[in-house]
């Protein structure tokens, strides 16, 4: 089978959306410990929605859900509590590609939303055959293709950012970073 020129030209993962009950500690871990650049702070209704750059155009994002129960689980092991994952957003090159994919999904009999404008990204939402929530997005203003400027209100719109963000805005440094623990001393290969 040859490549079909009608296929979308994917550009990686726009963002993997996860859930945290403590955005301040999340900023301190992902920026302070892992060294990922904080590129966007948004409000998604009542929730904070923060993005950390993993590669050009690619991010990991967190929704802050205060009532969620934190837990630690090893990778690759089934666990009914694994509710930290929200959705996966694939990155597209431009708005035309977004509309082309929306049309393609409709033609295949898949339900898909209208284009949603989040200011920094525009997106469509749909589910895969397993019921996994998916999003396809393109950066209207690419938060990963610029230097961090906490004064740029296109990217930093949280009117009441967590203390870690205020520290970064002020001194450019975090006052503390969280420590983490494994669930056990050994890693079990689930295969």
N, C-alpha and C. Protein backbone atom coordinates (compact mmCIF):
# COMPACT_ATOMS: atom_id res chain seq x y z
N UNK A 1 0.84 -1.18 0.00
CA UNK A 1 0.00 0.00 0.00
C UNK A 1 0.89 1.25 0.00
N UNK A 2 0.61 2.19 -0.87
CA UNK A 2 1.41 3.41 -0.96
C UNK A 2 0.77 4.51 -0.12
N UNK A 3 1.58 5.54 0.17
CA UNK A 3 1.06 6.69 0.90
C UNK A 3 -0.02 7.36 0.08
N UNK A 4 -1.07 7.74 0.73
CA UNK A 4 -2.17 8.45 0.10
C UNK A 4 -1.97 9.94 0.34
N UNK A 5 -1.86 10.76 -0.71
CA UNK A 5 -1.65 12.19 -0.51
C UNK A 5 -2.81 12.86 0.22
N UNK A 6 -3.95 12.18 0.31
CA UNK A 6 -5.10 12.72 1.03
C UNK A 6 -4.99 12.51 2.54
N UNK A 7 -4.04 11.67 2.98
CA UNK A 7 -3.86 11.43 4.41
C UNK A 7 -3.34 12.69 5.10
N UNK A 8 -3.74 12.90 6.35
CA UNK A 8 -3.23 14.06 7.09
C UNK A 8 -1.72 13.99 7.25
N UNK A 9 -1.08 15.13 7.29
CA UNK A 9 0.35 15.23 7.55
C UNK A 9 0.52 15.52 9.04
N UNK A 10 0.63 14.48 9.82
CA UNK A 10 0.72 14.62 11.27
C UNK A 10 2.06 15.22 11.66
N UNK A 11 2.08 16.00 12.74
CA UNK A 11 3.29 16.65 13.23
C UNK A 11 3.56 16.31 14.69
N UNK A 12 3.25 15.10 15.10
CA UNK A 12 3.53 14.68 16.47
C UNK A 12 2.34 14.85 17.38
N UNK A 13 2.62 14.91 18.65
CA UNK A 13 1.58 15.03 19.67
C UNK A 13 1.48 16.50 20.07
N UNK A 14 0.36 17.13 19.77
CA UNK A 14 0.16 18.52 20.19
C UNK A 14 0.20 18.58 21.71
N UNK A 15 -0.64 17.74 22.34
CA UNK A 15 -0.55 17.60 23.79
C UNK A 15 -1.22 16.32 24.26
N UNK A 16 -0.66 15.77 25.31
CA UNK A 16 -1.25 14.67 26.05
C UNK A 16 -1.86 15.32 27.28
N UNK A 17 -3.16 15.20 27.45
CA UNK A 17 -3.84 15.88 28.55
C UNK A 17 -4.01 14.93 29.73
N UNK A 18 -3.42 15.30 30.84
CA UNK A 18 -3.47 14.52 32.07
C UNK A 18 -4.19 15.31 33.15
N UNK A 19 -4.41 14.69 34.28
CA UNK A 19 -5.15 15.31 35.38
C UNK A 19 -4.27 15.38 36.62
N UNK A 20 -4.31 16.52 37.31
CA UNK A 20 -3.63 16.70 38.58
C UNK A 20 -4.60 17.33 39.57
N UNK A 21 -4.39 17.07 40.85
CA UNK A 21 -5.19 17.78 41.85
C UNK A 21 -4.37 18.89 42.49
N UNK A 22 -3.13 19.09 42.05
CA UNK A 22 -2.25 20.10 42.62
C UNK A 22 -1.37 20.69 41.52
N UNK A 23 -1.86 21.75 40.87
CA UNK A 23 -1.13 22.33 39.75
C UNK A 23 0.19 22.94 40.20
N UNK A 24 0.23 23.50 41.40
CA UNK A 24 1.47 24.09 41.88
C UNK A 24 2.58 23.04 41.95
N UNK A 25 2.31 21.90 42.56
CA UNK A 25 3.31 20.82 42.63
C UNK A 25 3.64 20.29 41.24
N UNK A 26 2.67 20.29 40.34
CA UNK A 26 2.89 19.81 38.98
C UNK A 26 3.86 20.74 38.24
N UNK A 27 3.70 22.05 38.41
CA UNK A 27 4.64 23.00 37.80
C UNK A 27 6.03 22.76 38.38
N UNK A 28 6.10 22.58 39.69
CA UNK A 28 7.39 22.38 40.35
C UNK A 28 8.07 21.10 39.87
N UNK A 29 7.28 20.05 39.58
CA UNK A 29 7.88 18.80 39.11
C UNK A 29 8.26 18.89 37.63
N UNK A 30 7.30 19.23 36.77
CA UNK A 30 7.57 19.20 35.33
C UNK A 30 8.55 20.29 34.89
N UNK A 31 8.47 21.47 35.48
CA UNK A 31 9.42 22.52 35.15
C UNK A 31 10.68 22.43 36.02
N UNK A 32 10.47 22.31 37.33
CA UNK A 32 11.59 22.35 38.26
C UNK A 32 12.44 21.10 38.27
N UNK A 33 11.81 19.93 38.22
CA UNK A 33 12.56 18.67 38.27
C UNK A 33 12.92 18.18 36.87
N UNK A 34 11.93 18.08 35.98
CA UNK A 34 12.19 17.55 34.64
C UNK A 34 12.76 18.58 33.69
N UNK A 35 12.63 19.86 34.01
CA UNK A 35 13.19 20.91 33.16
C UNK A 35 12.37 21.22 31.93
N UNK A 36 11.10 20.83 31.91
CA UNK A 36 10.25 21.17 30.76
C UNK A 36 9.79 22.62 30.89
N UNK A 37 9.84 23.33 29.80
CA UNK A 37 9.46 24.74 29.79
C UNK A 37 7.94 24.88 29.88
N UNK A 38 7.47 25.71 30.81
CA UNK A 38 6.04 26.04 30.92
C UNK A 38 5.73 27.04 29.81
N UNK A 39 4.84 26.66 28.86
CA UNK A 39 4.61 27.51 27.70
C UNK A 39 3.23 28.15 27.66
N UNK A 40 2.27 27.63 28.42
CA UNK A 40 0.93 28.19 28.42
C UNK A 40 0.23 27.89 29.73
N UNK A 41 -0.50 28.89 30.24
CA UNK A 41 -1.39 28.70 31.39
C UNK A 41 -2.75 29.23 30.99
N UNK A 42 -3.75 28.35 30.96
CA UNK A 42 -5.10 28.73 30.54
C UNK A 42 -6.10 28.39 31.63
N UNK A 43 -7.28 28.96 31.49
CA UNK A 43 -8.44 28.55 32.28
C UNK A 43 -9.37 27.80 31.33
N UNK A 44 -9.73 26.59 31.67
CA UNK A 44 -10.68 25.80 30.89
C UNK A 44 -11.93 25.67 31.75
N UNK A 45 -12.83 26.64 31.63
CA UNK A 45 -13.96 26.70 32.54
C UNK A 45 -13.43 26.94 33.94
N UNK A 46 -13.82 26.09 34.89
CA UNK A 46 -13.35 26.29 36.26
C UNK A 46 -11.95 25.71 36.53
N UNK A 47 -11.37 25.04 35.53
CA UNK A 47 -10.10 24.34 35.75
C UNK A 47 -8.93 25.09 35.14
N UNK A 48 -7.79 25.01 35.81
CA UNK A 48 -6.54 25.46 35.21
C UNK A 48 -6.14 24.42 34.17
N UNK A 49 -5.47 24.87 33.11
CA UNK A 49 -5.01 23.98 32.04
C UNK A 49 -3.64 24.51 31.62
N UNK A 50 -2.55 23.83 32.08
CA UNK A 50 -1.18 24.28 31.86
C UNK A 50 -0.46 23.32 30.92
N UNK A 51 0.43 23.89 30.07
CA UNK A 51 1.14 23.13 29.04
C UNK A 51 2.65 23.24 29.25
N UNK A 52 3.35 22.09 29.14
CA UNK A 52 4.80 22.03 29.26
C UNK A 52 5.37 21.47 27.95
N UNK A 53 6.41 22.13 27.41
CA UNK A 53 6.99 21.72 26.13
C UNK A 53 7.85 20.47 26.30
N UNK A 54 7.62 19.48 25.43
CA UNK A 54 8.44 18.28 25.39
C UNK A 54 9.33 18.26 24.14
N UNK A 55 8.92 18.97 23.10
CA UNK A 55 9.67 19.11 21.84
C UNK A 55 8.98 20.23 21.07
N UNK A 56 9.62 20.77 20.04
CA UNK A 56 8.96 21.82 19.27
C UNK A 56 7.57 21.39 18.80
N UNK A 57 6.56 22.16 19.19
CA UNK A 57 5.18 21.87 18.80
C UNK A 57 4.50 20.78 19.61
N UNK A 58 5.20 20.17 20.54
CA UNK A 58 4.67 19.03 21.31
C UNK A 58 4.71 19.35 22.80
N UNK A 59 3.60 19.05 23.49
CA UNK A 59 3.49 19.37 24.90
C UNK A 59 2.79 18.28 25.69
N UNK A 60 2.97 18.33 27.00
CA UNK A 60 2.15 17.56 27.93
C UNK A 60 1.37 18.62 28.70
N UNK A 61 0.07 18.41 28.88
CA UNK A 61 -0.79 19.40 29.51
C UNK A 61 -1.54 18.76 30.67
N UNK A 62 -1.88 19.58 31.64
CA UNK A 62 -2.60 19.11 32.81
C UNK A 62 -3.83 19.95 33.05
N UNK A 63 -4.94 19.27 33.38
CA UNK A 63 -6.13 19.92 33.93
C UNK A 63 -6.02 19.80 35.45
N UNK A 64 -6.32 20.85 36.17
CA UNK A 64 -6.34 20.76 37.62
C UNK A 64 -7.76 20.43 38.06
N UNK A 65 -7.93 19.22 38.61
CA UNK A 65 -9.21 18.76 39.14
C UNK A 65 -9.00 18.53 40.63
N UNK A 66 -9.38 19.52 41.41
CA UNK A 66 -9.07 19.52 42.84
C UNK A 66 -9.58 18.27 43.57
N UNK A 67 -10.73 17.75 43.15
CA UNK A 67 -11.34 16.62 43.88
C UNK A 67 -10.80 15.25 43.46
N UNK A 68 -9.88 15.23 42.47
CA UNK A 68 -9.35 13.93 42.04
C UNK A 68 -8.45 13.35 43.13
N UNK A 69 -8.44 12.03 43.22
CA UNK A 69 -7.66 11.32 44.23
C UNK A 69 -6.31 10.91 43.65
N UNK A 70 -5.21 11.43 44.18
CA UNK A 70 -3.89 11.02 43.67
C UNK A 70 -3.54 9.61 44.12
N UNK A 71 -2.75 8.94 43.31
CA UNK A 71 -2.25 7.61 43.66
C UNK A 71 -1.03 7.33 42.81
N UNK A 72 -0.26 6.35 43.20
CA UNK A 72 0.92 5.94 42.45
C UNK A 72 0.69 4.53 41.94
N UNK A 73 0.95 4.32 40.66
CA UNK A 73 0.80 2.99 40.07
C UNK A 73 1.96 2.74 39.13
N UNK A 74 2.45 1.51 39.07
CA UNK A 74 3.55 1.22 38.14
C UNK A 74 3.07 1.22 36.69
N UNK A 75 3.97 1.57 35.78
CA UNK A 75 3.65 1.58 34.35
C UNK A 75 3.39 0.17 33.85
N UNK A 76 2.48 0.06 32.93
CA UNK A 76 2.22 -1.22 32.27
C UNK A 76 1.44 -2.23 33.08
N UNK A 77 0.96 -1.85 34.25
CA UNK A 77 0.20 -2.76 35.09
C UNK A 77 -1.25 -2.29 35.17
N UNK A 78 -2.21 -3.18 34.91
CA UNK A 78 -3.61 -2.78 34.99
C UNK A 78 -3.95 -2.26 36.39
N UNK A 79 -4.73 -1.20 36.42
CA UNK A 79 -5.14 -0.61 37.69
C UNK A 79 -6.41 0.18 37.43
N UNK A 80 -7.51 -0.21 38.07
CA UNK A 80 -8.80 0.42 37.81
C UNK A 80 -8.83 1.88 38.25
N UNK A 81 -7.86 2.33 39.02
CA UNK A 81 -7.83 3.72 39.46
C UNK A 81 -7.22 4.65 38.43
N UNK A 82 -6.63 4.14 37.37
CA UNK A 82 -5.90 4.98 36.43
C UNK A 82 -6.86 5.96 35.73
N UNK A 83 -7.07 7.07 36.38
CA UNK A 83 -7.95 8.10 35.85
C UNK A 83 -7.17 9.39 35.59
N UNK A 84 -5.85 9.31 35.52
CA UNK A 84 -5.05 10.50 35.33
C UNK A 84 -5.03 10.96 33.86
N UNK A 85 -5.37 10.08 32.95
CA UNK A 85 -5.38 10.39 31.52
C UNK A 85 -6.71 11.03 31.16
N UNK A 86 -6.68 12.12 30.40
CA UNK A 86 -7.92 12.76 29.94
C UNK A 86 -8.11 12.54 28.44
N UNK A 87 -7.19 13.03 27.62
CA UNK A 87 -7.29 12.83 26.17
C UNK A 87 -5.92 13.03 25.53
N UNK A 88 -5.81 12.64 24.27
CA UNK A 88 -4.60 12.78 23.49
C UNK A 88 -4.91 13.70 22.31
N UNK A 89 -4.09 14.73 22.10
CA UNK A 89 -4.27 15.65 20.98
C UNK A 89 -3.12 15.50 20.00
N UNK A 90 -3.45 15.17 18.76
CA UNK A 90 -2.45 15.07 17.70
C UNK A 90 -2.25 16.45 17.06
N UNK A 91 -1.03 16.74 16.66
CA UNK A 91 -0.68 18.05 16.10
C UNK A 91 -0.80 18.02 14.58
N UNK A 92 -1.47 19.01 14.02
CA UNK A 92 -1.58 19.18 12.57
C UNK A 92 -0.86 20.45 12.14
N UNK A 93 -0.55 20.53 10.84
CA UNK A 93 0.27 21.62 10.33
C UNK A 93 -0.45 22.96 10.27
N UNK A 94 -1.74 22.95 9.95
CA UNK A 94 -2.43 24.22 9.74
C UNK A 94 -3.94 24.01 9.81
N UNK A 95 -4.67 25.11 9.69
CA UNK A 95 -6.13 25.04 9.82
C UNK A 95 -6.77 24.26 8.67
N UNK A 96 -6.20 24.36 7.48
CA UNK A 96 -6.72 23.59 6.35
C UNK A 96 -6.66 22.09 6.65
N UNK A 97 -5.56 21.63 7.24
CA UNK A 97 -5.42 20.23 7.61
C UNK A 97 -6.47 19.83 8.65
N UNK A 98 -6.78 20.73 9.56
CA UNK A 98 -7.80 20.47 10.58
C UNK A 98 -9.17 20.27 9.93
N UNK A 99 -9.53 21.15 9.01
CA UNK A 99 -10.82 21.03 8.31
C UNK A 99 -10.85 19.78 7.42
N UNK A 100 -9.72 19.46 6.79
CA UNK A 100 -9.65 18.25 5.96
C UNK A 100 -9.88 17.00 6.81
N UNK A 101 -9.27 16.95 8.01
CA UNK A 101 -9.46 15.80 8.89
C UNK A 101 -10.90 15.73 9.38
N UNK A 102 -11.48 16.87 9.70
CA UNK A 102 -12.88 16.89 10.14
C UNK A 102 -13.79 16.30 9.06
N UNK A 103 -13.56 16.71 7.80
CA UNK A 103 -14.34 16.19 6.67
C UNK A 103 -14.11 14.68 6.52
N UNK A 104 -12.85 14.25 6.63
CA UNK A 104 -12.49 12.84 6.49
C UNK A 104 -13.20 11.99 7.55
N UNK A 105 -13.22 12.48 8.79
CA UNK A 105 -13.91 11.76 9.87
C UNK A 105 -15.41 11.65 9.58
N UNK A 106 -16.01 12.74 9.16
CA UNK A 106 -17.45 12.72 8.84
C UNK A 106 -17.74 11.74 7.71
N UNK A 107 -16.88 11.75 6.68
CA UNK A 107 -17.07 10.85 5.54
C UNK A 107 -16.95 9.39 5.97
N UNK A 108 -16.19 9.11 7.02
CA UNK A 108 -16.02 7.75 7.52
C UNK A 108 -17.11 7.37 8.52
N UNK A 109 -18.07 8.26 8.75
CA UNK A 109 -19.16 7.97 9.67
C UNK A 109 -18.79 8.19 11.14
N UNK A 110 -17.75 8.95 11.41
CA UNK A 110 -17.31 9.23 12.78
C UNK A 110 -17.87 10.57 13.23
N UNK A 111 -18.41 10.59 14.44
CA UNK A 111 -18.86 11.85 15.01
C UNK A 111 -17.66 12.71 15.34
N UNK A 112 -17.77 14.00 15.06
CA UNK A 112 -16.68 14.94 15.31
C UNK A 112 -17.29 16.30 15.63
N UNK A 113 -16.63 17.07 16.48
CA UNK A 113 -17.14 18.38 16.85
C UNK A 113 -16.85 19.40 15.76
N UNK A 114 -17.47 20.56 15.91
CA UNK A 114 -17.07 21.72 15.12
C UNK A 114 -15.68 22.13 15.59
N UNK A 115 -15.03 22.99 14.86
CA UNK A 115 -13.73 23.50 15.27
C UNK A 115 -13.93 24.39 16.50
N UNK A 116 -13.14 24.11 17.53
CA UNK A 116 -13.19 24.89 18.77
C UNK A 116 -11.95 25.77 18.82
N UNK A 117 -12.17 27.08 19.02
CA UNK A 117 -11.07 28.05 19.06
C UNK A 117 -10.66 28.28 20.51
N UNK A 118 -9.46 27.82 20.87
CA UNK A 118 -8.93 28.01 22.23
C UNK A 118 -7.93 29.16 22.26
N UNK A 119 -7.96 30.03 21.27
CA UNK A 119 -7.05 31.16 21.11
C UNK A 119 -5.66 30.73 20.67
N UNK A 120 -4.93 29.93 21.45
CA UNK A 120 -3.58 29.51 21.04
C UNK A 120 -3.62 28.29 20.13
N UNK A 121 -4.64 27.46 20.26
CA UNK A 121 -4.84 26.32 19.37
C UNK A 121 -6.29 26.27 18.92
N UNK A 122 -6.51 25.69 17.75
CA UNK A 122 -7.86 25.35 17.29
C UNK A 122 -7.91 23.84 17.18
N UNK A 123 -9.06 23.27 17.53
CA UNK A 123 -9.14 21.82 17.69
C UNK A 123 -10.48 21.27 17.23
N UNK A 124 -10.46 19.98 16.92
CA UNK A 124 -11.67 19.18 16.78
C UNK A 124 -11.54 18.00 17.74
N UNK A 125 -12.67 17.49 18.20
CA UNK A 125 -12.69 16.39 19.16
C UNK A 125 -13.49 15.23 18.60
N UNK A 126 -13.00 14.01 18.88
CA UNK A 126 -13.65 12.79 18.41
C UNK A 126 -13.15 11.64 19.27
N UNK A 127 -13.67 10.45 19.07
CA UNK A 127 -13.24 9.26 19.81
C UNK A 127 -12.71 8.23 18.84
N UNK A 128 -11.76 7.40 19.33
CA UNK A 128 -11.31 6.29 18.50
C UNK A 128 -12.26 5.11 18.68
N UNK A 129 -11.97 4.01 18.02
CA UNK A 129 -12.84 2.83 18.09
C UNK A 129 -12.88 2.19 19.47
N UNK A 130 -11.95 2.54 20.35
CA UNK A 130 -11.95 2.02 21.73
C UNK A 130 -12.64 2.95 22.70
N UNK A 131 -13.13 4.09 22.21
CA UNK A 131 -13.75 5.08 23.07
C UNK A 131 -12.77 6.06 23.67
N UNK A 132 -11.51 6.02 23.25
CA UNK A 132 -10.52 6.96 23.78
C UNK A 132 -10.77 8.34 23.20
N UNK A 133 -10.83 9.34 24.07
CA UNK A 133 -11.06 10.72 23.65
C UNK A 133 -9.82 11.24 22.92
N UNK A 134 -10.02 11.72 21.69
CA UNK A 134 -8.94 12.26 20.88
C UNK A 134 -9.26 13.68 20.45
N UNK A 135 -8.21 14.40 20.16
CA UNK A 135 -8.31 15.78 19.68
C UNK A 135 -7.28 15.92 18.58
N UNK A 136 -7.58 16.72 17.58
CA UNK A 136 -6.58 17.12 16.59
C UNK A 136 -6.51 18.63 16.66
N UNK A 137 -5.28 19.16 16.73
CA UNK A 137 -5.09 20.59 16.95
C UNK A 137 -4.02 21.15 16.03
N UNK A 138 -4.08 22.45 15.83
CA UNK A 138 -2.96 23.17 15.22
C UNK A 138 -2.74 24.44 16.03
N UNK A 139 -1.47 24.80 16.17
CA UNK A 139 -1.11 25.98 16.95
C UNK A 139 -1.40 27.23 16.12
N UNK A 140 -2.37 28.03 16.54
CA UNK A 140 -2.61 29.33 15.91
C UNK A 140 -1.42 30.23 16.22
N UNK A 141 -1.00 30.21 17.47
CA UNK A 141 0.21 30.87 17.96
C UNK A 141 1.00 29.78 18.66
N UNK A 142 2.10 29.33 18.09
CA UNK A 142 2.84 28.19 18.62
C UNK A 142 3.58 28.57 19.90
N UNK A 143 3.07 28.10 21.02
CA UNK A 143 3.65 28.41 22.32
C UNK A 143 5.04 27.83 22.48
N UNK A 144 5.38 26.83 21.69
CA UNK A 144 6.69 26.19 21.83
C UNK A 144 7.74 26.82 20.92
N UNK A 145 7.36 27.70 20.02
CA UNK A 145 8.28 28.27 19.03
C UNK A 145 8.71 29.69 19.41
N UNK A 146 8.70 30.00 20.69
CA UNK A 146 9.03 31.34 21.14
C UNK A 146 9.66 31.26 22.52
N UNK A 147 10.34 32.32 22.90
CA UNK A 147 10.86 32.39 24.26
C UNK A 147 9.70 32.58 25.24
N UNK A 148 9.87 32.12 26.46
CA UNK A 148 8.84 32.29 27.48
C UNK A 148 8.74 33.77 27.85
N UNK A 149 7.52 34.29 27.78
CA UNK A 149 7.24 35.67 28.17
C UNK A 149 5.95 35.65 28.98
N UNK A 150 6.09 35.63 30.31
CA UNK A 150 4.93 35.53 31.17
C UNK A 150 3.99 36.73 31.03
N UNK A 151 4.45 37.81 30.40
CA UNK A 151 3.61 38.98 30.17
C UNK A 151 2.78 38.87 28.90
N UNK A 152 3.00 37.82 28.11
CA UNK A 152 2.26 37.65 26.86
C UNK A 152 0.91 37.02 27.17
N UNK A 153 -0.15 37.83 27.14
CA UNK A 153 -1.47 37.34 27.55
C UNK A 153 -2.15 36.47 26.50
N UNK A 154 -1.48 36.19 25.39
CA UNK A 154 -2.01 35.16 24.48
C UNK A 154 -1.80 33.78 25.08
N UNK A 155 -0.71 33.64 25.87
CA UNK A 155 -0.31 32.33 26.38
C UNK A 155 -0.49 32.18 27.88
N UNK A 156 -0.42 33.25 28.61
CA UNK A 156 -0.50 33.19 30.07
C UNK A 156 -1.73 33.96 30.52
N UNK A 157 -2.88 33.25 30.53
CA UNK A 157 -4.16 33.91 30.80
C UNK A 157 -4.75 33.58 32.15
N UNK A 158 -4.11 32.71 32.92
CA UNK A 158 -4.64 32.38 34.25
C UNK A 158 -4.49 33.62 35.12
N UNK A 159 -5.62 34.23 35.50
CA UNK A 159 -5.60 35.46 36.29
C UNK A 159 -5.09 35.23 37.71
N UNK A 160 -5.15 33.99 38.18
CA UNK A 160 -4.70 33.67 39.53
C UNK A 160 -3.81 32.43 39.47
N UNK A 161 -2.59 32.58 38.90
CA UNK A 161 -1.73 31.40 38.73
C UNK A 161 -1.27 30.83 40.06
N UNK A 162 -0.90 29.56 40.02
CA UNK A 162 -0.41 28.88 41.23
C UNK A 162 0.90 29.54 41.68
N UNK A 163 1.28 29.36 42.95
CA UNK A 163 2.51 29.98 43.46
C UNK A 163 3.75 29.69 42.62
N UNK A 164 3.90 28.49 42.09
CA UNK A 164 5.08 28.17 41.29
C UNK A 164 5.19 29.09 40.08
N UNK A 165 4.08 29.39 39.43
CA UNK A 165 4.10 30.28 38.27
C UNK A 165 4.46 31.70 38.71
N UNK A 166 3.92 32.13 39.83
CA UNK A 166 4.26 33.47 40.33
C UNK A 166 5.76 33.56 40.64
N UNK A 167 6.35 32.47 41.17
CA UNK A 167 7.79 32.45 41.41
C UNK A 167 8.57 32.58 40.11
N UNK A 168 8.15 31.84 39.07
CA UNK A 168 8.81 31.92 37.77
C UNK A 168 8.65 33.31 37.16
N UNK A 169 7.47 33.92 37.31
CA UNK A 169 7.25 35.26 36.81
C UNK A 169 8.16 36.27 37.52
N UNK A 170 8.36 36.08 38.82
CA UNK A 170 9.14 37.03 39.61
C UNK A 170 10.64 36.85 39.46
N UNK A 171 11.14 35.70 39.89
CA UNK A 171 12.60 35.50 39.93
C UNK A 171 13.13 34.58 38.83
N UNK A 172 12.22 33.88 38.15
CA UNK A 172 12.65 32.92 37.14
C UNK A 172 13.08 31.59 37.74
N UNK A 173 12.90 31.44 39.06
CA UNK A 173 13.32 30.22 39.75
C UNK A 173 12.20 29.72 40.65
N UNK A 174 12.19 28.39 40.88
CA UNK A 174 11.24 27.79 41.82
C UNK A 174 11.89 27.68 43.19
N UNK A 175 11.12 27.96 44.23
CA UNK A 175 11.63 27.90 45.59
C UNK A 175 11.81 26.47 46.09
N UNK A 176 11.02 25.53 45.59
CA UNK A 176 11.16 24.13 45.99
C UNK A 176 10.64 23.23 44.87
N UNK A 177 11.07 21.96 44.91
CA UNK A 177 10.65 20.94 43.94
C UNK A 177 10.20 19.71 44.70
N UNK A 178 9.13 19.05 44.23
CA UNK A 178 8.64 17.86 44.95
C UNK A 178 9.53 16.64 44.73
N UNK A 179 9.59 15.79 45.74
CA UNK A 179 10.25 14.49 45.61
C UNK A 179 9.17 13.46 45.31
N UNK A 180 9.55 12.37 44.64
CA UNK A 180 8.59 11.31 44.31
C UNK A 180 9.14 9.97 44.76
N UNK A 181 8.28 8.96 44.80
CA UNK A 181 8.65 7.60 45.22
C UNK A 181 8.07 6.60 44.23
N UNK A 182 8.80 5.50 44.03
CA UNK A 182 8.29 4.38 43.25
C UNK A 182 7.33 3.58 44.12
N UNK A 183 6.50 2.74 43.50
CA UNK A 183 5.57 1.92 44.27
C UNK A 183 6.29 0.75 44.94
N UNK A 184 7.44 0.36 44.36
CA UNK A 184 8.23 -0.72 44.96
C UNK A 184 9.66 -0.58 44.48
N UNK A 185 10.55 -1.40 45.01
CA UNK A 185 11.95 -1.34 44.62
C UNK A 185 12.23 -2.00 43.28
N UNK A 186 11.32 -2.85 42.82
CA UNK A 186 11.55 -3.55 41.56
C UNK A 186 10.52 -3.15 40.53
N UNK A 187 10.93 -3.17 39.28
CA UNK A 187 10.04 -2.91 38.16
C UNK A 187 9.73 -4.24 37.51
N UNK A 188 8.46 -4.58 37.41
CA UNK A 188 8.03 -5.84 36.85
C UNK A 188 7.71 -5.65 35.38
N UNK A 189 8.29 -6.48 34.53
CA UNK A 189 7.98 -6.44 33.11
C UNK A 189 6.64 -7.18 32.92
N UNK A 190 5.59 -6.45 32.47
CA UNK A 190 4.27 -7.08 32.37
C UNK A 190 4.17 -8.08 31.23
N UNK A 191 5.18 -8.20 30.38
CA UNK A 191 5.12 -9.09 29.21
C UNK A 191 5.43 -10.49 29.58
